[in-house]
Amino acid sequence: MASSAQATVTTTAAVVVPASPFDQTVLLHSGSGIVYVGDASVTSSNGYRLDNGDKIVLPVGDHEALYAVTSSGTAVLYIYINVN
């Protein structure tokens, strides 16, 4: 099953891909601003940086969630999730 979403990312880390009992393949596209992605402890210092316009494909394991945060302001993150 696949789904897509749009998230407004702020300076407070939030779940952008919820945990699932299945492995997931996630496509992320930073639509505006700089976004940092990672686990629940993600910050702008330790997250994987996506600049405006960047795209990435990530595997997200079962029972894991993906979080995102900005260093300032807000940014739009487009998300496509495919459950494996």
C-alpha atoms as a PDB file:
ATOM      1  CA  MET A   1       0.000   0.000   0.000  1.00  0.00           C
ATOM      2  CA  ALA A   2       1.293   3.456  -0.871  1.00  0.00           C
ATOM      3  CA  SER A   3       0.373   6.871   0.437  1.00  0.00           C
ATOM      4  CA  SER A   4       1.486  10.440  -0.001  1.00  0.00           C
ATOM      5  CA  ALA A   5       1.418  13.425   2.302  1.00  0.00           C
ATOM      6  CA  GLN A   6       2.661  16.934   2.789  1.00  0.00           C
ATOM      7  CA  ALA A   7       4.109  18.032   6.128  1.00  0.00           C
ATOM      8  CA  THR A   8       4.865  21.482   7.439  1.00  0.00           C
ATOM      9  CA  VAL A   9       8.128  21.093   9.337  1.00  0.00           C
ATOM     10  CA  THR A  10       9.036  23.480  12.167  1.00  0.00           C
ATOM     11  CA  THR A  11      11.799  23.897  14.734  1.00  0.00           C
ATOM     12  CA  THR A  12      10.194  21.201  16.894  1.00  0.00           C
ATOM     13  CA  ALA A  13      11.014  17.674  15.729  1.00  0.00           C
ATOM     14  CA  ALA A  14       7.881  15.828  14.645  1.00  0.00           C
ATOM     15  CA  VAL A  15       7.006  12.476  13.094  1.00  0.00           C
ATOM     16  CA  VAL A  16       6.697  12.712   9.303  1.00  0.00           C
ATOM     17  CA  VAL A  17       6.591   8.946   8.681  1.00  0.00           C
ATOM     18  CA  PRO A  18       4.831   6.987  11.431  1.00  0.00           C
ATOM     19  CA  ALA A  19       6.078   3.605  12.582  1.00  0.00           C
ATOM     20  CA  SER A  20       4.575   0.622  10.807  1.00  0.00           C
ATOM     21  CA  PRO A  21       4.686  -3.122  11.458  1.00  0.00           C
ATOM     22  CA  PHE A  22       6.189  -3.414   7.943  1.00  0.00           C
ATOM     23  CA  ASP A  23       9.348  -2.150   6.254  1.00  0.00           C
ATOM     24  CA  GLN A  24       8.726   1.020   4.249  1.00  0.00           C
ATOM     25  CA  THR A  25      10.428   2.794   1.365  1.00  0.00           C
ATOM     26  CA  VAL A  26      10.076   6.553   1.751  1.00  0.00           C
ATOM     27  CA  LEU A  27      10.599   9.216  -0.897  1.00  0.00           C
ATOM     28  CA  LEU A  28      11.144  12.712   0.503  1.00  0.00           C
ATOM     29  CA  HIS A  29      11.218  16.024  -1.366  1.00  0.00           C
ATOM     30  CA  SER A  30      12.000  19.288   0.375  1.00  0.00           C
ATOM     31  CA  GLY A  31       9.570  21.657  -1.296  1.00  0.00           C
ATOM     32  CA  SER A  32      10.669  24.774   0.544  1.00  0.00           C
ATOM     33  CA  GLY A  33      13.426  25.512   3.006  1.00  0.00           C
ATOM     34  CA  ILE A  34      15.998  23.254   4.628  1.00  0.00           C
ATOM     35  CA  VAL A  35      14.797  20.143   6.472  1.00  0.00           C
ATOM     36  CA  TYR A  36      16.750  17.737   8.660  1.00  0.00           C
ATOM     37  CA  VAL A  37      15.530  14.131   8.969  1.00  0.00           C
ATOM     38  CA  GLY A  38      16.411  11.356  11.393  1.00  0.00           C
ATOM     39  CA  ASP A  39      15.177   9.505  14.448  1.00  0.00           C
ATOM     40  CA  ALA A  40      13.360  10.930  17.477  1.00  0.00           C
ATOM     41  CA  SER A  41      16.490  12.796  18.588  1.00  0.00           C
ATOM     42  CA  VAL A  42      16.908  14.642  15.250  1.00  0.00           C
ATOM     43  CA  THR A  43      18.207  18.221  15.357  1.00  0.00           C
ATOM     44  CA  SER A  44      19.713  20.574  12.793  1.00  0.00           C
ATOM     45  CA  SER A  45      23.116  19.447  14.106  1.00  0.00           C
ATOM     46  CA  ASN A  46      22.706  15.675  13.752  1.00  0.00           C
ATOM     47  CA  GLY A  47      19.985  15.181  11.102  1.00  0.00           C
ATOM     48  CA  TYR A  48      20.430  14.404   7.422  1.00  0.00           C
ATOM     49  CA  ARG A  49      20.127  17.761   5.630  1.00  0.00           C
ATOM     50  CA  LEU A  50      17.746  18.188   2.708  1.00  0.00           C
ATOM     51  CA  ASP A  51      18.163  21.544   0.982  1.00  0.00           C
ATOM     52  CA  ASN A  52      15.280  23.202  -0.840  1.00  0.00           C
ATOM     53  CA  GLY A  53      14.483  21.018  -3.858  1.00  0.00           C
ATOM     54  CA  ASP A  54      16.471  17.994  -2.660  1.00  0.00           C
ATOM     55  CA  LYS A  55      14.987  14.509  -3.012  1.00  0.00           C
ATOM     56  CA  ILE A  56      15.975  11.284  -1.284  1.00  0.00           C
ATOM     57  CA  VAL A  57      14.773   7.682  -1.036  1.00  0.00           C
ATOM     58  CA  LEU A  58      15.150   6.055   2.385  1.00  0.00           C
ATOM     59  CA  PRO A  59      14.366   2.622   3.765  1.00  0.00           C
ATOM     60  CA  VAL A  60      12.508   2.837   7.084  1.00  0.00           C
ATOM     61  CA  GLY A  61      12.507  -0.395   9.057  1.00  0.00           C
ATOM     62  CA  ASP A  62       9.514  -1.969  10.708  1.00  0.00           C
ATOM     63  CA  HIS A  63       8.452  -0.300  13.961  1.00  0.00           C
ATOM     64  CA  GLU A  64      10.628   2.742  13.178  1.00  0.00           C
ATOM     65  CA  ALA A  65       9.418   6.294  12.622  1.00  0.00           C
ATOM     66  CA  LEU A  66      11.072   9.131  10.705  1.00  0.00           C
ATOM     67  CA  TYR A  67      11.226  12.624  12.195  1.00  0.00           C
ATOM     68  CA  ALA A  68      11.970  16.028  10.662  1.00  0.00           C
ATOM     69  CA  VAL A  69      12.933  19.468  11.955  1.00  0.00           C
ATOM     70  CA  THR A  70      14.134  22.851  10.666  1.00  0.00           C
ATOM     71  CA  SER A  71      16.780  25.090  12.190  1.00  0.00           C
ATOM     72  CA  SER A  72      14.473  28.118  11.851  1.00  0.00           C
ATOM     73  CA  GLY A  73      11.093  28.974  10.408  1.00  0.00           C
ATOM     74  CA  THR A  74       9.009  26.411   8.559  1.00  0.00           C
ATOM     75  CA  ALA A  75       9.504  24.237   5.502  1.00  0.00           C
ATOM     76  CA  VAL A  76       7.271  21.997   3.388  1.00  0.00           C
ATOM     77  CA  LEU A  77       8.231  18.343   3.035  1.00  0.00           C
ATOM     78  CA  TYR A  78       6.517  16.118   0.464  1.00  0.00           C
ATOM     79  CA  ILE A  79       6.354  12.460   1.460  1.00  0.00           C
ATOM     80  CA  TYR A  80       5.579   9.282  -0.491  1.00  0.00           C
ATOM     81  CA  ILE A  81       5.476   6.046   1.494  1.00  0.00           C
ATOM     82  CA  ASN A  82       5.452   2.568  -0.025  1.00  0.00           C
ATOM     83  CA  VAL A  83       4.915  -0.304   2.415  1.00  0.00           C
ATOM     84  CA  ASN A  84       7.071  -3.267   1.396  1.00  0.00           C
END
